[in-house]
PDB file of N, CA and C in Angstrom:
ATOM      1  N   MET A   1      -9.563  10.047  10.872  1.00  0.00           N
ATOM      2  CA  MET A   1      -8.505   9.184  10.368  1.00  0.00           C
ATOM      3  C   MET A   1      -8.592   7.842  11.100  1.00  0.00           C
ATOM      4  N   THR A   2      -8.502   6.778  10.337  1.00  0.00           N
ATOM      5  CA  THR A   2      -8.579   5.445  10.938  1.00  0.00           C
ATOM      6  C   THR A   2      -7.300   5.152  11.734  1.00  0.00           C
ATOM      7  N   PRO A   3      -7.388   4.250  12.695  1.00  0.00           N
ATOM      8  CA  PRO A   3      -6.182   3.895  13.465  1.00  0.00           C
ATOM      9  C   PRO A   3      -5.060   3.349  12.576  1.00  0.00           C
ATOM     10  N   LEU A   4      -5.420   2.571  11.561  1.00  0.00           N
ATOM     11  CA  LEU A   4      -4.411   2.024  10.649  1.00  0.00           C
ATOM     12  C   LEU A   4      -3.701   3.143   9.898  1.00  0.00           C
ATOM     13  N   ARG A   5      -4.475   4.081   9.363  1.00  0.00           N
ATOM     14  CA  ARG A   5      -3.874   5.197   8.631  1.00  0.00           C
ATOM     15  C   ARG A   5      -3.005   6.026   9.571  1.00  0.00           C
ATOM     16  N   GLN A   6      -3.466   6.246  10.783  1.00  0.00           N
ATOM     17  CA  GLN A   6      -2.689   7.023  11.751  1.00  0.00           C
ATOM     18  C   GLN A   6      -1.369   6.332  12.077  1.00  0.00           C
ATOM     19  N   ARG A   7      -1.398   5.008  12.246  1.00  0.00           N
ATOM     20  CA  ARG A   7      -0.149   4.259  12.495  1.00  0.00           C
ATOM     21  C   ARG A   7       0.810   4.417  11.327  1.00  0.00           C
ATOM     22  N   MET A   8       0.261   4.356  10.116  1.00  0.00           N
ATOM     23  CA  MET A   8       1.098   4.478   8.923  1.00  0.00           C
ATOM     24  C   MET A   8       1.729   5.875   8.862  1.00  0.00           C
ATOM     25  N   VAL A   9       0.927   6.908   9.065  1.00  0.00           N
ATOM     26  CA  VAL A   9       1.441   8.280   9.032  1.00  0.00           C
ATOM     27  C   VAL A   9       2.476   8.490  10.135  1.00  0.00           C
ATOM     28  N   ASP A  10       2.180   8.020  11.331  1.00  0.00           N
ATOM     29  CA  ASP A  10       3.136   8.158  12.438  1.00  0.00           C
ATOM     30  C   ASP A  10       4.468   7.487  12.114  1.00  0.00           C
ATOM     31  N   ALA A  11       4.410   6.314  11.507  1.00  0.00           N
ATOM     32  CA  ALA A  11       5.637   5.598  11.142  1.00  0.00           C
ATOM     33  C   ALA A  11       6.426   6.367  10.085  1.00  0.00           C
ATOM     34  N   MET A  12       5.727   6.983   9.135  1.00  0.00           N
ATOM     35  CA  MET A  12       6.421   7.761   8.100  1.00  0.00           C
ATOM     36  C   MET A  12       7.044   9.022   8.690  1.00  0.00           C
ATOM     37  N   VAL A  13       6.338   9.689   9.591  1.00  0.00           N
ATOM     38  CA  VAL A  13       6.872  10.893  10.237  1.00  0.00           C
ATOM     39  C   VAL A  13       8.113  10.537  11.046  1.00  0.00           C
ATOM     40  N   THR A  14       8.045   9.454  11.787  1.00  0.00           N
ATOM     41  CA  THR A  14       9.176   8.997  12.601  1.00  0.00           C
ATOM     42  C   THR A  14      10.408   8.740  11.744  1.00  0.00           C
ATOM     43  N   ARG A  15      10.191   8.225  10.547  1.00  0.00           N
ATOM     44  CA  ARG A  15      11.310   7.904   9.653  1.00  0.00           C
ATOM     45  C   ARG A  15      11.738   9.086   8.783  1.00  0.00           C
ATOM     46  N   GLY A  16      11.084  10.228   8.943  1.00  0.00           N
ATOM     47  CA  GLY A  16      11.496  11.423   8.218  1.00  0.00           C
ATOM     48  C   GLY A  16      11.076  11.461   6.761  1.00  0.00           C
ATOM     49  N   PHE A  17      10.008  10.758   6.408  1.00  0.00           N
ATOM     50  CA  PHE A  17       9.524  10.790   5.027  1.00  0.00           C
ATOM     51  C   PHE A  17       9.048  12.206   4.693  1.00  0.00           C
ATOM     52  N   ALA A  18       9.279  12.618   3.464  1.00  0.00           N
ATOM     53  CA  ALA A  18       8.795  13.914   2.995  1.00  0.00           C
ATOM     54  C   ALA A  18       7.269  13.928   3.011  1.00  0.00           C
ATOM     55  N   GLU A  19       6.712  15.107   3.187  1.00  0.00           N
ATOM     56  CA  GLU A  19       5.252  15.250   3.233  1.00  0.00           C
ATOM     57  C   GLU A  19       4.599  14.687   1.969  1.00  0.00           C
ATOM     58  N   ARG A  20       5.188  14.965   0.823  1.00  0.00           N
ATOM     59  CA  ARG A  20       4.606  14.481  -0.439  1.00  0.00           C
ATOM     60  C   ARG A  20       4.648  12.954  -0.512  1.00  0.00           C
ATOM     61  N   THR A  21       5.700  12.344  -0.024  1.00  0.00           N
ATOM     62  CA  THR A  21       5.785  10.880   0.013  1.00  0.00           C
ATOM     63  C   THR A  21       4.696  10.324   0.913  1.00  0.00           C
ATOM     64  N   GLN A  22       4.497  10.951   2.050  1.00  0.00           N
ATOM     65  CA  GLN A  22       3.435  10.512   2.956  1.00  0.00           C
ATOM     66  C   GLN A  22       2.075  10.563   2.265  1.00  0.00           C
ATOM     67  N   GLU A  23       1.802  11.665   1.591  1.00  0.00           N
ATOM     68  CA  GLU A  23       0.522  11.814   0.888  1.00  0.00           C
ATOM     69  C   GLU A  23       0.370  10.756  -0.200  1.00  0.00           C
ATOM     70  N   SER A  24       1.434  10.515  -0.944  1.00  0.00           N
ATOM     71  CA  SER A  24       1.393   9.533  -2.032  1.00  0.00           C
ATOM     72  C   SER A  24       1.145   8.126  -1.508  1.00  0.00           C
ATOM     73  N   TYR A  25       1.828   7.752  -0.450  1.00  0.00           N
ATOM     74  CA  TYR A  25       1.655   6.414   0.124  1.00  0.00           C
ATOM     75  C   TYR A  25       0.253   6.225   0.692  1.00  0.00           C
ATOM     76  N   VAL A  26      -0.241   7.227   1.417  1.00  0.00           N
ATOM     77  CA  VAL A  26      -1.593   7.130   1.978  1.00  0.00           C
ATOM     78  C   VAL A  26      -2.615   7.009   0.851  1.00  0.00           C
ATOM     79  N   GLU A  27      -2.453   7.785  -0.198  1.00  0.00           N
ATOM     80  CA  GLU A  27      -3.388   7.715  -1.328  1.00  0.00           C
ATOM     81  C   GLU A  27      -3.290   6.366  -2.043  1.00  0.00           C
ATOM     82  N   ALA A  28      -2.098   5.845  -2.209  1.00  0.00           N
ATOM     83  CA  ALA A  28      -1.933   4.541  -2.867  1.00  0.00           C
ATOM     84  C   ALA A  28      -2.635   3.440  -2.073  1.00  0.00           C
ATOM     85  N   ILE A  29      -2.496   3.454  -0.765  1.00  0.00           N
ATOM     86  CA  ILE A  29      -3.161   2.452   0.074  1.00  0.00           C
ATOM     87  C   ILE A  29      -4.668   2.656   0.034  1.00  0.00           C
ATOM     88  N   SER A  30      -5.081   3.895  -0.003  1.00  0.00           N
ATOM     89  CA  SER A  30      -6.509   4.210  -0.095  1.00  0.00           C
ATOM     90  C   SER A  30      -7.110   3.648  -1.388  1.00  0.00           C
ATOM     91  N   ARG A  31      -6.368   3.760  -2.474  1.00  0.00           N
ATOM     92  CA  ARG A  31      -6.849   3.232  -3.768  1.00  0.00           C
ATOM     93  C   ARG A  31      -6.976   1.712  -3.739  1.00  0.00           C
ATOM     94  N   ILE A  32      -6.022   1.034  -3.115  1.00  0.00           N
ATOM     95  CA  ILE A  32      -6.107  -0.426  -3.004  1.00  0.00           C
ATOM     96  C   ILE A  32      -7.355  -0.804  -2.210  1.00  0.00           C
ATOM     97  N   ALA A  33      -7.584  -0.114  -1.109  1.00  0.00           N
ATOM     98  CA  ALA A  33      -8.754  -0.399  -0.270  1.00  0.00           C
ATOM     99  C   ALA A  33     -10.052  -0.140  -1.034  1.00  0.00           C
ATOM    100  N   ARG A  34     -10.105   0.956  -1.776  1.00  0.00           N
ATOM    101  CA  ARG A  34     -11.312   1.261  -2.565  1.00  0.00           C
ATOM    102  C   ARG A  34     -11.527   0.241  -3.670  1.00  0.00           C
ATOM    103  N   HIS A  35     -10.452  -0.213  -4.281  1.00  0.00           N
ATOM    104  CA  HIS A  35     -10.560  -1.191  -5.365  1.00  0.00           C
ATOM    105  C   HIS A  35     -11.242  -2.467  -4.883  1.00  0.00           C
ATOM    106  N   TYR A  36     -10.873  -2.915  -3.695  1.00  0.00           N
ATOM    107  CA  TYR A  36     -11.430  -4.160  -3.152  1.00  0.00           C
ATOM    108  C   TYR A  36     -12.566  -3.936  -2.148  1.00  0.00           C
ATOM    109  N   HIS A  37     -12.883  -2.688  -1.866  1.00  0.00           N
ATOM    110  CA  HIS A  37     -13.974  -2.347  -0.936  1.00  0.00           C
ATOM    111  C   HIS A  37     -13.780  -2.948   0.456  1.00  0.00           C
ATOM    112  N   ARG A  38     -12.531  -2.970   0.899  1.00  0.00           N
ATOM    113  CA  ARG A  38     -12.252  -3.418   2.265  1.00  0.00           C
ATOM    114  C   ARG A  38     -10.843  -2.986   2.681  1.00  0.00           C
ATOM    115  N   SER A  39     -10.581  -3.168   3.952  1.00  0.00           N
ATOM    116  CA  SER A  39      -9.299  -2.753   4.504  1.00  0.00           C
ATOM    117  C   SER A  39      -8.143  -3.486   3.818  1.00  0.00           C
ATOM    118  N   PRO A  40      -7.043  -2.792   3.555  1.00  0.00           N
ATOM    119  CA  PRO A  40      -5.905  -3.442   2.907  1.00  0.00           C
ATOM    120  C   PRO A  40      -5.289  -4.563   3.739  1.00  0.00           C
ATOM    121  N   VAL A  41      -5.469  -4.544   5.044  1.00  0.00           N
ATOM    122  CA  VAL A  41      -4.904  -5.613   5.870  1.00  0.00           C
ATOM    123  C   VAL A  41      -5.644  -6.930   5.690  1.00  0.00           C
ATOM    124  N   LEU A  42      -6.810  -6.896   5.062  1.00  0.00           N
ATOM    125  CA  LEU A  42      -7.591  -8.116   4.835  1.00  0.00           C
ATOM    126  C   LEU A  42      -7.327  -8.744   3.474  1.00  0.00           C
ATOM    127  N   LEU A  43      -6.465  -8.130   2.690  1.00  0.00           N
ATOM    128  CA  LEU A  43      -6.206  -8.625   1.341  1.00  0.00           C
ATOM    129  C   LEU A  43      -5.202  -9.769   1.339  1.00  0.00           C
ATOM    130  N   SER A  44      -5.408 -10.679   0.417  1.00  0.00           N
ATOM    131  CA  SER A  44      -4.483 -11.804   0.266  1.00  0.00           C
ATOM    132  C   SER A  44      -3.312 -11.401  -0.625  1.00  0.00           C
ATOM    133  N   LYS A  45      -2.315 -12.227  -0.622  1.00  0.00           N
ATOM    134  CA  LYS A  45      -1.142 -12.050  -1.479  1.00  0.00           C
ATOM    135  C   LYS A  45      -1.561 -11.961  -2.945  1.00  0.00           C
ATOM    136  N   ASP A  46      -2.456 -12.843  -3.356  1.00  0.00           N
ATOM    137  CA  ASP A  46      -2.910 -12.858  -4.746  1.00  0.00           C
ATOM    138  C   ASP A  46      -3.679 -11.593  -5.109  1.00  0.00           C
ATOM    139  N   GLU A  47      -4.454 -11.077  -4.176  1.00  0.00           N
ATOM    140  CA  GLU A  47      -5.210  -9.851  -4.453  1.00  0.00           C
ATOM    141  C   GLU A  47      -4.282  -8.656  -4.637  1.00  0.00           C
ATOM    142  N   VAL A  48      -3.265  -8.557  -3.821  1.00  0.00           N
ATOM    143  CA  VAL A  48      -2.316  -7.453  -3.959  1.00  0.00           C
ATOM    144  C   VAL A  48      -1.578  -7.568  -5.289  1.00  0.00           C
ATOM    145  N   SER A  49      -1.138  -8.761  -5.631  1.00  0.00           N
ATOM    146  CA  SER A  49      -0.451  -8.974  -6.909  1.00  0.00           C
ATOM    147  C   SER A  49      -1.369  -8.655  -8.081  1.00  0.00           C
ATOM    148  N   ALA A  50      -2.624  -9.080  -7.989  1.00  0.00           N
ATOM    149  CA  ALA A  50      -3.594  -8.816  -9.059  1.00  0.00           C
ATOM    150  C   ALA A  50      -3.852  -7.317  -9.201  1.00  0.00           C
ATOM    151  N   TYR A  51      -3.906  -6.618  -8.090  1.00  0.00           N
ATOM    152  CA  TYR A  51      -4.118  -5.172  -8.142  1.00  0.00           C
ATOM    153  C   TYR A  51      -2.947  -4.485  -8.846  1.00  0.00           C
ATOM    154  N   LEU A  52      -1.737  -4.876  -8.513  1.00  0.00           N
ATOM    155  CA  LEU A  52      -0.562  -4.275  -9.147  1.00  0.00           C
ATOM    156  C   LEU A  52      -0.550  -4.551 -10.647  1.00  0.00           C
ATOM    157  N   LEU A  53      -0.906  -5.762 -11.033  1.00  0.00           N
ATOM    158  CA  LEU A  53      -1.001  -6.096 -12.457  1.00  0.00           C
ATOM    159  C   LEU A  53      -2.106  -5.280 -13.121  1.00  0.00           C
ATOM    160  N   HIS A  54      -3.225  -5.125 -12.451  1.00  0.00           N
ATOM    161  CA  HIS A  54      -4.353  -4.341 -12.959  1.00  0.00           C
ATOM    162  C   HIS A  54      -3.926  -2.904 -13.276  1.00  0.00           C
ATOM    163  N   LEU A  55      -3.093  -2.326 -12.425  1.00  0.00           N
ATOM    164  CA  LEU A  55      -2.646  -0.954 -12.652  1.00  0.00           C
ATOM    165  C   LEU A  55      -1.919  -0.809 -13.985  1.00  0.00           C
ATOM    166  N   VAL A  56      -1.093  -1.791 -14.297  1.00  0.00           N
ATOM    167  CA  VAL A  56      -0.280  -1.715 -15.512  1.00  0.00           C
ATOM    168  C   VAL A  56      -1.031  -2.221 -16.739  1.00  0.00           C
ATOM    169  N   SER A  57      -1.675  -3.373 -16.626  1.00  0.00           N
ATOM    170  CA  SER A  57      -2.269  -3.995 -17.814  1.00  0.00           C
ATOM    171  C   SER A  57      -3.651  -3.466 -18.179  1.00  0.00           C
ATOM    172  N   THR A  58      -4.494  -3.174 -17.194  1.00  0.00           N
ATOM    173  CA  THR A  58      -5.854  -2.730 -17.489  1.00  0.00           C
ATOM    174  C   THR A  58      -5.958  -1.210 -17.512  1.00  0.00           C
ATOM    175  N   ARG A  59      -5.385  -0.574 -16.511  1.00  0.00           N
ATOM    176  CA  ARG A  59      -5.479   0.881 -16.426  1.00  0.00           C
ATOM    177  C   ARG A  59      -4.383   1.576 -17.225  1.00  0.00           C
ATOM    178  N   HIS A  60      -3.404   0.813 -17.703  1.00  0.00           N
ATOM    179  CA  HIS A  60      -2.302   1.330 -18.523  1.00  0.00           C
ATOM    180  C   HIS A  60      -1.526   2.450 -17.820  1.00  0.00           C
ATOM    181  N   LEU A  61      -1.332   2.278 -16.523  1.00  0.00           N
ATOM    182  CA  LEU A  61      -0.526   3.231 -15.774  1.00  0.00           C
ATOM    183  C   LEU A  61       0.944   2.839 -15.891  1.00  0.00           C
ATOM    184  N   THR A  62       1.806   3.751 -15.573  1.00  0.00           N
ATOM    185  CA  THR A  62       3.236   3.500 -15.724  1.00  0.00           C
ATOM    186  C   THR A  62       3.759   2.568 -14.639  1.00  0.00           C
ATOM    187  N   TYR A  63       4.931   2.029 -14.920  1.00  0.00           N
ATOM    188  CA  TYR A  63       5.598   1.174 -13.939  1.00  0.00           C
ATOM    189  C   TYR A  63       5.824   1.942 -12.642  1.00  0.00           C
ATOM    190  N   SER A  64       6.172   3.219 -12.741  1.00  0.00           N
ATOM    191  CA  SER A  64       6.461   3.972 -11.516  1.00  0.00           C
ATOM    192  C   SER A  64       5.217   4.120 -10.639  1.00  0.00           C
ATOM    193  N   THR A  65       4.038   4.220 -11.239  1.00  0.00           N
ATOM    194  CA  THR A  65       2.797   4.273 -10.457  1.00  0.00           C
ATOM    195  C   THR A  65       2.565   2.946  -9.754  1.00  0.00           C
ATOM    196  N   MET A  66       2.776   1.855 -10.479  1.00  0.00           N
ATOM    197  CA  MET A  66       2.628   0.529  -9.889  1.00  0.00           C
ATOM    198  C   MET A  66       3.664   0.327  -8.785  1.00  0.00           C
ATOM    199  N   ASN A  67       4.874   0.775  -9.022  1.00  0.00           N
ATOM    200  CA  ASN A  67       5.935   0.635  -8.031  1.00  0.00           C
ATOM    201  C   ASN A  67       5.627   1.444  -6.769  1.00  0.00           C
ATOM    202  N   GLN A  68       5.050   2.605  -6.935  1.00  0.00           N
ATOM    203  CA  GLN A  68       4.672   3.417  -5.783  1.00  0.00           C
ATOM    204  C   GLN A  68       3.631   2.693  -4.927  1.00  0.00           C
ATOM    205  N   ALA A  69       2.650   2.066  -5.578  1.00  0.00           N
ATOM    206  CA  ALA A  69       1.639   1.290  -4.842  1.00  0.00           C
ATOM    207  C   ALA A  69       2.297   0.111  -4.130  1.00  0.00           C
ATOM    208  N   ALA A  70       3.236  -0.537  -4.799  1.00  0.00           N
ATOM    209  CA  ALA A  70       3.938  -1.673  -4.195  1.00  0.00           C
ATOM    210  C   ALA A  70       4.759  -1.220  -2.982  1.00  0.00           C
ATOM    211  N   CYS A  71       5.457  -0.107  -3.121  1.00  0.00           N
ATOM    212  CA  CYS A  71       6.260   0.407  -2.001  1.00  0.00           C
ATOM    213  C   CYS A  71       5.373   0.826  -0.832  1.00  0.00           C
ATOM    214  N   ALA A  72       4.246   1.439  -1.130  1.00  0.00           N
ATOM    215  CA  ALA A  72       3.314   1.849  -0.073  1.00  0.00           C
ATOM    216  C   ALA A  72       2.774   0.631   0.666  1.00  0.00           C
ATOM    217  N   ALA A  73       2.405  -0.403  -0.073  1.00  0.00           N
ATOM    218  CA  ALA A  73       1.886  -1.627   0.549  1.00  0.00           C
ATOM    219  C   ALA A  73       2.967  -2.307   1.384  1.00  0.00           C
ATOM    220  N   ARG A  74       4.178  -2.336   0.862  1.00  0.00           N
ATOM    221  CA  ARG A  74       5.293  -2.929   1.606  1.00  0.00           C
ATOM    222  C   ARG A  74       5.542  -2.140   2.893  1.00  0.00           C
ATOM    223  N   PHE A  75       5.541  -0.834   2.777  1.00  0.00           N
ATOM    224  CA  PHE A  75       5.748  -0.004   3.958  1.00  0.00           C
ATOM    225  C   PHE A  75       4.651  -0.241   4.989  1.00  0.00           C
ATOM    226  N   LEU A  76       3.412  -0.270   4.536  1.00  0.00           N
ATOM    227  CA  LEU A  76       2.299  -0.487   5.459  1.00  0.00           C
ATOM    228  C   LEU A  76       2.459  -1.797   6.212  1.00  0.00           C
ATOM    229  N   SER A  77       2.809  -2.842   5.495  1.00  0.00           N
ATOM    230  CA  SER A  77       2.906  -4.153   6.140  1.00  0.00           C
ATOM    231  C   SER A  77       4.096  -4.265   7.089  1.00  0.00           C
ATOM    232  N   LYS A  78       5.199  -3.613   6.765  1.00  0.00           N
ATOM    233  CA  LYS A  78       6.399  -3.723   7.601  1.00  0.00           C
ATOM    234  C   LYS A  78       6.461  -2.650   8.680  1.00  0.00           C
ATOM    235  N   ALA A  79       6.425  -1.407   8.281  1.00  0.00           N
ATOM    236  CA  ALA A  79       6.694  -0.315   9.211  1.00  0.00           C
ATOM    237  C   ALA A  79       5.517   0.047  10.097  1.00  0.00           C
ATOM    238  N   ALA A  80       4.315  -0.114   9.609  1.00  0.00           N
ATOM    239  CA  ALA A  80       3.149   0.262  10.412  1.00  0.00           C
ATOM    240  C   ALA A  80       2.634  -0.919  11.217  1.00  0.00           C
ATOM    241  N   SER A  81       3.363  -2.019  11.217  1.00  0.00           N
ATOM    242  CA  SER A  81       3.031  -3.203  12.016  1.00  0.00           C
ATOM    243  C   SER A  81       1.625  -3.723  11.764  1.00  0.00           C
ATOM    244  N   CYS A  82       1.319  -3.955  10.508  1.00  0.00           N
ATOM    245  CA  CYS A  82       0.017  -4.528  10.155  1.00  0.00           C
ATOM    246  C   CYS A  82      -0.101  -5.917  10.750  1.00  0.00           C
ATOM    247  N   ALA A  83      -1.267  -6.252  11.189  1.00  0.00           N
ATOM    248  CA  ALA A  83      -1.511  -7.597  11.721  1.00  0.00           C
ATOM    249  C   ALA A  83      -1.405  -8.629  10.611  1.00  0.00           C
ATOM    250  N   CYS A  84      -1.814  -8.245   9.420  1.00  0.00           N
ATOM    251  CA  CYS A  84      -1.816  -9.179   8.291  1.00  0.00           C
ATOM    252  C   CYS A  84      -0.541  -8.959   7.488  1.00  0.00           C
ATOM    253  N   MET A  85       0.306  -9.943   7.403  1.00  0.00           N
ATOM    254  CA  MET A  85       1.581  -9.786   6.725  1.00  0.00           C
ATOM    255  C   MET A  85       1.558 -10.303   5.293  1.00  0.00           C
ATOM    256  N   THR A  86       0.377 -10.560   4.743  1.00  0.00           N
ATOM    257  CA  THR A  86       0.314 -11.074   3.381  1.00  0.00           C
ATOM    258  C   THR A  86       0.774 -10.037   2.370  1.00  0.00           C
ATOM    259  N   LEU A  87       0.668  -8.751   2.685  1.00  0.00           N
ATOM    260  CA  LEU A  87       1.137  -7.726   1.762  1.00  0.00           C
ATOM    261  C   LEU A  87       2.632  -7.884   1.519  1.00  0.00           C
ATOM    262  N   THR A  88       3.395  -8.099   2.569  1.00  0.00           N
ATOM    263  CA  THR A  88       4.834  -8.286   2.429  1.00  0.00           C
ATOM    264  C   THR A  88       5.135  -9.519   1.597  1.00  0.00           C
ATOM    265  N   ALA A  89       4.434 -10.594   1.853  1.00  0.00           N
ATOM    266  CA  ALA A  89       4.659 -11.824   1.100  1.00  0.00           C
ATOM    267  C   ALA A  89       4.376 -11.610  -0.377  1.00  0.00           C
ATOM    268  N   ALA A  90       3.342 -10.864  -0.689  1.00  0.00           N
ATOM    269  CA  ALA A  90       2.980 -10.621  -2.086  1.00  0.00           C
ATOM    270  C   ALA A  90       4.042  -9.798  -2.792  1.00  0.00           C
ATOM    271  N   LEU A  91       4.663  -8.894  -2.087  1.00  0.00           N
ATOM    272  CA  LEU A  91       5.585  -7.967  -2.717  1.00  0.00           C
ATOM    273  C   LEU A  91       7.027  -8.445  -2.710  1.00  0.00           C
ATOM    274  N   THR A  92       7.314  -9.496  -1.969  1.00  0.00           N
ATOM    275  CA  THR A  92       8.681 -10.004  -1.947  1.00  0.00           C
ATOM    276  C   THR A  92       8.805 -11.329  -2.680  1.00  0.00           C
ATOM    277  N   ALA A  93       7.698 -11.828  -3.198  1.00  0.00           N
ATOM    278  CA  ALA A  93       7.711 -13.117  -3.907  1.00  0.00           C
ATOM    279  C   ALA A  93       8.264 -12.955  -5.296  1.00  0.00           C
TER     280      ALA A  93
END
């Protein structure tokens, strides 16, 4: 497990997140990283926004799937103390 993923899991455990929520958030962040072939902390605001749009418009996934990815990214940037805060900016704009 990468240090970033471990920080994220530790933060979710500390806050009492359900096991299934933890799994969903970790998988959502993993998908963002795989989509761009790099760590999610290196993504720009525009890339995160484009990924969320891609989920709905290109992959035709539901709003709730897109929202789950958005919540996971927001959680990662805020609660797991990511060095790169562009994820938060992308999701609160």
